[in-house]
Amino acid sequence: MLAIRRTPKDTPQVAFSRAEEPPQPTEAVHEEVQELQEHLGLSGTIIPEVYQRYYKLPRGIYVSQVTSGSEAQEKGMVAGDIITEINGHTIGDSLYLNLLAKRLNPGDPVTLLLYRSGSQVELTLSWGDFD
């Protein structure tokens, strides 16, 4: 539910109540991140801003699947993790990953900062080739 309140200067302010419906998938653009599958053995999607606000999630990439037998799985990454930083850079879209893919070679270390159930986890993986 959306409520509009008036301030003393008669400027409308928008407030969202928790009774509102969660955003529907058609309301947000889902941006699959191909570089994760190709180089780290993960499937993921950039979290749309509408979901970040509604569910109080950080900016980043939602990990939807971890390839069985991959280094990421061996080091404990699980579906549901959110990658918030890669090599110290905050992730908000796939632009940085495109640049990263052009600069790294197989075997180069990649440090991920993950958000998992309200906690931060750091994980270092090797940039690979999963084509």
N, C-alpha and C. Protein backbone atom coordinates (compact mmCIF):
# COMPACT_ATOMS: atom_id res chain seq x y z
N MET A 1 0.84 -1.17 0.00
CA MET A 1 0.00 0.00 0.00
C MET A 1 0.88 1.22 0.00
N LEU A 2 0.51 2.22 -0.74
CA LEU A 2 1.27 3.45 -0.88
C LEU A 2 0.51 4.56 -0.18
N ALA A 3 1.19 5.30 0.66
CA ALA A 3 0.55 6.42 1.35
C ALA A 3 1.33 7.69 1.04
N ILE A 4 0.61 8.75 0.77
CA ILE A 4 1.26 10.04 0.52
C ILE A 4 0.94 10.95 1.69
N ARG A 5 1.99 11.47 2.30
CA ARG A 5 1.83 12.38 3.43
C ARG A 5 2.26 13.76 2.98
N ARG A 6 1.67 14.78 3.56
CA ARG A 6 2.04 16.16 3.27
C ARG A 6 2.90 16.69 4.42
N THR A 7 3.98 17.37 4.07
CA THR A 7 4.85 17.98 5.07
C THR A 7 4.42 19.42 5.26
N PRO A 8 4.97 20.11 6.26
CA PRO A 8 4.59 21.51 6.48
C PRO A 8 4.75 22.38 5.24
N LYS A 9 5.71 22.10 4.39
CA LYS A 9 5.92 22.89 3.18
C LYS A 9 5.04 22.37 2.03
N ASP A 10 4.11 21.48 2.37
CA ASP A 10 3.20 20.91 1.40
C ASP A 10 3.91 20.14 0.29
N THR A 11 5.05 19.53 0.65
CA THR A 11 5.79 18.68 -0.28
C THR A 11 5.38 17.24 -0.03
N PRO A 12 4.86 16.54 -1.03
CA PRO A 12 4.45 15.16 -0.79
C PRO A 12 5.64 14.25 -0.49
N GLN A 13 5.46 13.35 0.43
CA GLN A 13 6.45 12.32 0.73
C GLN A 13 5.77 10.98 0.57
N VAL A 14 6.49 10.05 -0.02
CA VAL A 14 5.92 8.72 -0.27
C VAL A 14 6.41 7.76 0.80
N ALA A 15 5.51 6.99 1.36
CA ALA A 15 5.86 5.98 2.36
C ALA A 15 5.26 4.65 1.93
N PHE A 16 6.03 3.59 2.03
CA PHE A 16 5.56 2.26 1.68
C PHE A 16 5.23 1.51 2.95
N SER A 17 4.10 0.86 2.97
CA SER A 17 3.76 0.02 4.12
C SER A 17 4.15 -1.41 3.78
N ARG A 18 4.37 -2.24 4.76
CA ARG A 18 4.76 -3.64 4.53
C ARG A 18 3.58 -4.46 4.03
N ALA A 19 2.39 -3.86 3.97
CA ALA A 19 1.23 -4.59 3.45
C ALA A 19 1.24 -4.66 1.93
N GLU A 20 2.14 -3.88 1.30
CA GLU A 20 2.19 -3.91 -0.15
C GLU A 20 2.68 -5.26 -0.65
N GLU A 21 2.33 -5.56 -1.87
CA GLU A 21 2.75 -6.80 -2.47
C GLU A 21 4.23 -6.71 -2.87
N PRO A 22 4.95 -7.83 -2.79
CA PRO A 22 6.34 -7.80 -3.24
C PRO A 22 6.40 -7.56 -4.74
N PRO A 23 7.51 -7.01 -5.22
CA PRO A 23 7.63 -6.76 -6.65
C PRO A 23 7.49 -8.05 -7.45
N GLN A 24 6.85 -7.95 -8.57
CA GLN A 24 6.68 -9.11 -9.45
C GLN A 24 7.86 -9.17 -10.41
N PRO A 25 8.24 -10.37 -10.84
CA PRO A 25 9.38 -10.50 -11.75
C PRO A 25 9.26 -9.65 -13.00
N THR A 26 8.05 -9.41 -13.48
CA THR A 26 7.88 -8.61 -14.69
C THR A 26 8.15 -7.13 -14.44
N GLU A 27 8.18 -6.71 -13.15
CA GLU A 27 8.41 -5.31 -12.83
C GLU A 27 9.89 -4.95 -12.85
N ALA A 28 10.75 -5.92 -12.85
CA ALA A 28 12.19 -5.66 -12.79
C ALA A 28 12.89 -6.34 -13.96
N VAL A 29 13.93 -5.70 -14.41
CA VAL A 29 14.73 -6.27 -15.48
C VAL A 29 15.75 -7.22 -14.85
N HIS A 30 15.77 -8.46 -15.28
CA HIS A 30 16.72 -9.43 -14.76
C HIS A 30 17.92 -9.48 -15.69
N GLU A 31 19.08 -9.25 -15.14
CA GLU A 31 20.31 -9.21 -15.93
C GLU A 31 21.18 -10.40 -15.54
N GLU A 32 21.15 -11.43 -16.37
CA GLU A 32 21.98 -12.60 -16.12
C GLU A 32 23.44 -12.21 -16.30
N VAL A 33 24.30 -12.81 -15.51
CA VAL A 33 25.72 -12.47 -15.56
C VAL A 33 26.48 -13.66 -16.14
N GLN A 34 26.72 -13.61 -17.44
CA GLN A 34 27.35 -14.71 -18.17
C GLN A 34 28.79 -14.96 -17.72
N GLU A 35 29.51 -13.89 -17.36
CA GLU A 35 30.92 -14.03 -16.98
C GLU A 35 31.10 -14.95 -15.77
N LEU A 36 30.13 -14.98 -14.87
CA LEU A 36 30.24 -15.86 -13.70
C LEU A 36 30.27 -17.32 -14.11
N GLN A 37 29.38 -17.69 -15.02
CA GLN A 37 29.34 -19.08 -15.47
C GLN A 37 30.60 -19.44 -16.24
N GLU A 38 31.02 -18.54 -17.11
CA GLU A 38 32.18 -18.82 -17.96
C GLU A 38 33.49 -18.91 -17.19
N HIS A 39 33.63 -18.13 -16.11
CA HIS A 39 34.94 -18.04 -15.45
C HIS A 39 34.98 -18.50 -13.99
N LEU A 40 33.82 -18.62 -13.33
CA LEU A 40 33.84 -19.04 -11.93
C LEU A 40 32.93 -20.24 -11.65
N GLY A 41 32.19 -20.70 -12.63
CA GLY A 41 31.31 -21.85 -12.44
C GLY A 41 30.08 -21.53 -11.61
N LEU A 42 29.54 -20.31 -11.76
CA LEU A 42 28.35 -19.88 -11.02
C LEU A 42 27.31 -19.37 -12.00
N SER A 43 26.05 -19.43 -11.59
CA SER A 43 24.99 -18.74 -12.32
C SER A 43 24.47 -17.67 -11.39
N GLY A 44 24.24 -16.49 -11.94
CA GLY A 44 23.77 -15.40 -11.09
C GLY A 44 23.08 -14.31 -11.87
N THR A 45 22.38 -13.47 -11.12
CA THR A 45 21.61 -12.38 -11.68
C THR A 45 21.86 -11.12 -10.87
N ILE A 46 22.03 -9.99 -11.54
CA ILE A 46 22.12 -8.71 -10.85
C ILE A 46 20.79 -8.50 -10.13
N ILE A 47 20.84 -8.11 -8.86
CA ILE A 47 19.60 -7.89 -8.10
C ILE A 47 19.01 -6.53 -8.51
N PRO A 48 17.81 -6.54 -9.07
CA PRO A 48 17.18 -5.27 -9.46
C PRO A 48 16.95 -4.36 -8.25
N GLU A 49 17.03 -3.06 -8.50
CA GLU A 49 16.90 -2.08 -7.42
C GLU A 49 15.58 -2.21 -6.66
N VAL A 50 14.50 -2.55 -7.36
CA VAL A 50 13.21 -2.68 -6.70
C VAL A 50 13.25 -3.81 -5.66
N TYR A 51 13.97 -4.90 -5.94
CA TYR A 51 14.11 -5.99 -4.97
C TYR A 51 15.03 -5.59 -3.82
N GLN A 52 16.09 -4.85 -4.15
CA GLN A 52 17.00 -4.39 -3.09
C GLN A 52 16.23 -3.58 -2.05
N ARG A 53 15.38 -2.67 -2.52
CA ARG A 53 14.61 -1.83 -1.58
C ARG A 53 13.59 -2.65 -0.81
N TYR A 54 12.82 -3.47 -1.50
CA TYR A 54 11.73 -4.19 -0.84
C TYR A 54 12.24 -5.21 0.17
N TYR A 55 13.26 -5.97 -0.22
CA TYR A 55 13.77 -7.03 0.65
C TYR A 55 14.96 -6.60 1.50
N LYS A 56 15.35 -5.32 1.39
CA LYS A 56 16.49 -4.76 2.13
C LYS A 56 17.76 -5.58 1.89
N LEU A 57 18.05 -5.78 0.62
CA LEU A 57 19.23 -6.52 0.20
C LEU A 57 20.30 -5.56 -0.28
N PRO A 58 21.56 -5.97 -0.20
CA PRO A 58 22.63 -5.11 -0.73
C PRO A 58 22.67 -5.18 -2.26
N ARG A 59 23.33 -4.20 -2.86
CA ARG A 59 23.58 -4.25 -4.30
C ARG A 59 24.48 -5.44 -4.57
N GLY A 60 24.26 -6.10 -5.67
CA GLY A 60 25.14 -7.21 -6.00
C GLY A 60 24.51 -8.22 -6.94
N ILE A 61 25.12 -9.38 -6.96
CA ILE A 61 24.71 -10.48 -7.83
C ILE A 61 24.18 -11.61 -6.97
N TYR A 62 22.94 -11.99 -7.21
CA TYR A 62 22.33 -13.12 -6.52
C TYR A 62 22.81 -14.40 -7.18
N VAL A 63 23.44 -15.28 -6.42
CA VAL A 63 23.96 -16.55 -6.95
C VAL A 63 22.81 -17.55 -6.95
N SER A 64 22.39 -17.94 -8.15
CA SER A 64 21.26 -18.87 -8.27
C SER A 64 21.69 -20.33 -8.33
N GLN A 65 22.94 -20.56 -8.76
CA GLN A 65 23.43 -21.94 -8.87
C GLN A 65 24.95 -21.95 -8.80
N VAL A 66 25.48 -22.96 -8.13
CA VAL A 66 26.93 -23.18 -8.07
C VAL A 66 27.20 -24.51 -8.75
N THR A 67 28.08 -24.50 -9.73
CA THR A 67 28.38 -25.70 -10.50
C THR A 67 28.98 -26.79 -9.61
N SER A 68 28.41 -27.98 -9.69
CA SER A 68 28.88 -29.11 -8.91
C SER A 68 30.34 -29.41 -9.24
N GLY A 69 31.16 -29.56 -8.22
CA GLY A 69 32.57 -29.88 -8.41
C GLY A 69 33.45 -28.68 -8.68
N SER A 70 32.87 -27.49 -8.74
CA SER A 70 33.66 -26.28 -9.01
C SER A 70 34.43 -25.87 -7.75
N GLU A 71 35.44 -25.04 -7.95
CA GLU A 71 36.20 -24.51 -6.82
C GLU A 71 35.29 -23.71 -5.89
N ALA A 72 34.33 -22.99 -6.47
CA ALA A 72 33.39 -22.21 -5.66
C ALA A 72 32.61 -23.12 -4.72
N GLN A 73 32.15 -24.26 -5.21
CA GLN A 73 31.42 -25.20 -4.36
C GLN A 73 32.35 -25.79 -3.30
N GLU A 74 33.56 -26.14 -3.69
CA GLU A 74 34.52 -26.72 -2.75
C GLU A 74 34.86 -25.75 -1.62
N LYS A 75 34.86 -24.45 -1.92
CA LYS A 75 35.19 -23.44 -0.90
C LYS A 75 33.97 -22.95 -0.12
N GLY A 76 32.79 -23.54 -0.40
CA GLY A 76 31.62 -23.27 0.42
C GLY A 76 30.60 -22.30 -0.12
N MET A 77 30.76 -21.83 -1.35
CA MET A 77 29.74 -20.93 -1.91
C MET A 77 28.47 -21.71 -2.17
N VAL A 78 27.33 -21.11 -1.88
CA VAL A 78 26.04 -21.78 -2.06
C VAL A 78 25.07 -20.87 -2.80
N ALA A 79 24.08 -21.48 -3.43
CA ALA A 79 23.01 -20.71 -4.05
C ALA A 79 22.34 -19.88 -2.96
N GLY A 80 22.05 -18.64 -3.29
CA GLY A 80 21.47 -17.72 -2.31
C GLY A 80 22.47 -16.70 -1.79
N ASP A 81 23.77 -16.98 -1.97
CA ASP A 81 24.79 -15.98 -1.61
C ASP A 81 24.61 -14.78 -2.53
N ILE A 82 25.00 -13.62 -2.04
CA ILE A 82 24.98 -12.41 -2.86
C ILE A 82 26.40 -11.88 -2.94
N ILE A 83 26.94 -11.78 -4.15
CA ILE A 83 28.28 -11.23 -4.36
C ILE A 83 28.14 -9.70 -4.35
N THR A 84 28.72 -9.06 -3.34
CA THR A 84 28.61 -7.60 -3.24
C THR A 84 29.85 -6.89 -3.77
N GLU A 85 31.00 -7.56 -3.73
CA GLU A 85 32.24 -6.98 -4.24
C GLU A 85 33.07 -8.05 -4.93
N ILE A 86 33.77 -7.62 -5.97
CA ILE A 86 34.76 -8.48 -6.62
C ILE A 86 36.05 -7.68 -6.68
N ASN A 87 37.10 -8.23 -6.10
CA ASN A 87 38.40 -7.56 -6.03
C ASN A 87 38.28 -6.13 -5.50
N GLY A 88 37.43 -5.95 -4.49
CA GLY A 88 37.29 -4.65 -3.84
C GLY A 88 36.37 -3.67 -4.53
N HIS A 89 35.76 -4.05 -5.64
CA HIS A 89 34.86 -3.17 -6.38
C HIS A 89 33.41 -3.58 -6.13
N THR A 90 32.57 -2.63 -5.72
CA THR A 90 31.15 -2.90 -5.51
C THR A 90 30.50 -3.25 -6.84
N ILE A 91 29.63 -4.25 -6.80
CA ILE A 91 28.97 -4.73 -8.02
C ILE A 91 27.53 -4.24 -8.03
N GLY A 92 27.19 -3.47 -9.06
CA GLY A 92 25.83 -3.00 -9.23
C GLY A 92 25.27 -3.36 -10.59
N ASP A 93 26.17 -3.66 -11.52
CA ASP A 93 25.77 -4.09 -12.86
C ASP A 93 26.89 -4.96 -13.42
N SER A 94 26.72 -5.42 -14.64
CA SER A 94 27.70 -6.35 -15.20
C SER A 94 28.88 -5.66 -15.89
N LEU A 95 28.91 -4.34 -15.91
CA LEU A 95 29.98 -3.62 -16.59
C LEU A 95 31.36 -3.99 -16.03
N TYR A 96 31.51 -3.97 -14.71
CA TYR A 96 32.80 -4.31 -14.12
C TYR A 96 33.20 -5.75 -14.46
N LEU A 97 32.25 -6.66 -14.48
CA LEU A 97 32.57 -8.05 -14.81
C LEU A 97 33.05 -8.18 -16.25
N ASN A 98 32.47 -7.39 -17.14
CA ASN A 98 32.93 -7.41 -18.54
C ASN A 98 34.39 -6.94 -18.62
N LEU A 99 34.73 -5.87 -17.88
CA LEU A 99 36.11 -5.39 -17.86
C LEU A 99 37.05 -6.42 -17.22
N LEU A 100 36.60 -7.01 -16.14
CA LEU A 100 37.39 -8.02 -15.43
C LEU A 100 37.70 -9.20 -16.35
N ALA A 101 36.70 -9.64 -17.10
CA ALA A 101 36.88 -10.79 -18.01
C ALA A 101 37.95 -10.53 -19.05
N LYS A 102 38.12 -9.26 -19.43
CA LYS A 102 39.12 -8.91 -20.44
C LYS A 102 40.53 -8.78 -19.84
N ARG A 103 40.61 -8.55 -18.54
CA ARG A 103 41.91 -8.29 -17.91
C ARG A 103 42.53 -9.49 -17.20
N LEU A 104 41.71 -10.44 -16.79
CA LEU A 104 42.23 -11.57 -16.03
C LEU A 104 42.57 -12.75 -16.93
N ASN A 105 43.52 -13.53 -16.47
CA ASN A 105 43.92 -14.76 -17.15
C ASN A 105 43.52 -15.94 -16.29
N PRO A 106 43.31 -17.10 -16.91
CA PRO A 106 43.00 -18.30 -16.12
C PRO A 106 44.04 -18.50 -15.02
N GLY A 107 43.55 -18.76 -13.82
CA GLY A 107 44.43 -18.97 -12.67
C GLY A 107 44.63 -17.74 -11.80
N ASP A 108 44.29 -16.53 -12.31
CA ASP A 108 44.42 -15.32 -11.50
C ASP A 108 43.45 -15.39 -10.33
N PRO A 109 43.87 -14.93 -9.14
CA PRO A 109 42.98 -14.94 -7.98
C PRO A 109 41.90 -13.86 -8.09
N VAL A 110 40.69 -14.19 -7.64
CA VAL A 110 39.56 -13.27 -7.62
C VAL A 110 38.98 -13.33 -6.21
N THR A 111 38.95 -12.18 -5.53
CA THR A 111 38.41 -12.13 -4.17
C THR A 111 36.97 -11.63 -4.21
N LEU A 112 36.07 -12.43 -3.67
CA LEU A 112 34.65 -12.11 -3.63
C LEU A 112 34.25 -11.77 -2.20
N LEU A 113 33.45 -10.73 -2.04
CA LEU A 113 32.84 -10.44 -0.75
C LEU A 113 31.38 -10.83 -0.90
N LEU A 114 30.95 -11.75 -0.04
CA LEU A 114 29.59 -12.29 -0.13
C LEU A 114 28.74 -11.80 1.04
N TYR A 115 27.45 -11.63 0.77
CA TYR A 115 26.46 -11.37 1.81
C TYR A 115 25.69 -12.67 1.96
N ARG A 116 25.70 -13.22 3.18
CA ARG A 116 25.01 -14.49 3.43
C ARG A 116 24.29 -14.38 4.76
N SER A 117 22.97 -14.40 4.70
CA SER A 117 22.14 -14.37 5.91
C SER A 117 22.54 -13.25 6.87
N GLY A 118 22.79 -12.07 6.34
CA GLY A 118 23.12 -10.92 7.18
C GLY A 118 24.58 -10.78 7.54
N SER A 119 25.41 -11.73 7.14
CA SER A 119 26.84 -11.68 7.46
C SER A 119 27.65 -11.52 6.18
N GLN A 120 28.89 -11.06 6.34
CA GLN A 120 29.80 -10.92 5.21
C GLN A 120 30.81 -12.07 5.25
N VAL A 121 31.07 -12.64 4.09
CA VAL A 121 32.02 -13.75 3.95
C VAL A 121 32.95 -13.40 2.80
N GLU A 122 34.26 -13.56 3.02
CA GLU A 122 35.22 -13.32 1.95
C GLU A 122 35.71 -14.66 1.42
N LEU A 123 35.82 -14.75 0.11
CA LEU A 123 36.19 -16.00 -0.53
C LEU A 123 37.11 -15.67 -1.71
N THR A 124 38.21 -16.38 -1.84
CA THR A 124 39.11 -16.18 -2.98
C THR A 124 39.06 -17.41 -3.87
N LEU A 125 38.78 -17.16 -5.16
CA LEU A 125 38.70 -18.22 -6.16
C LEU A 125 39.70 -17.93 -7.26
N SER A 126 39.94 -18.93 -8.09
CA SER A 126 40.79 -18.75 -9.26
C SER A 126 39.92 -18.48 -10.47
N TRP A 127 40.27 -17.46 -11.24
CA TRP A 127 39.58 -17.16 -12.48
C TRP A 127 39.82 -18.32 -13.43
N GLY A 128 38.79 -18.93 -13.94
CA GLY A 128 38.97 -20.11 -14.76
C GLY A 128 38.31 -19.99 -16.11
N ASP A 129 38.17 -21.13 -16.77
CA ASP A 129 37.53 -21.20 -18.07
C ASP A 129 36.58 -22.39 -18.07
N PHE A 130 35.27 -22.11 -17.91
CA PHE A 130 34.27 -23.16 -17.80
C PHE A 130 33.45 -23.32 -19.07
N ASP A 131 33.93 -22.75 -20.18
CA ASP A 131 33.15 -22.83 -21.45
C ASP A 131 32.88 -24.25 -21.83
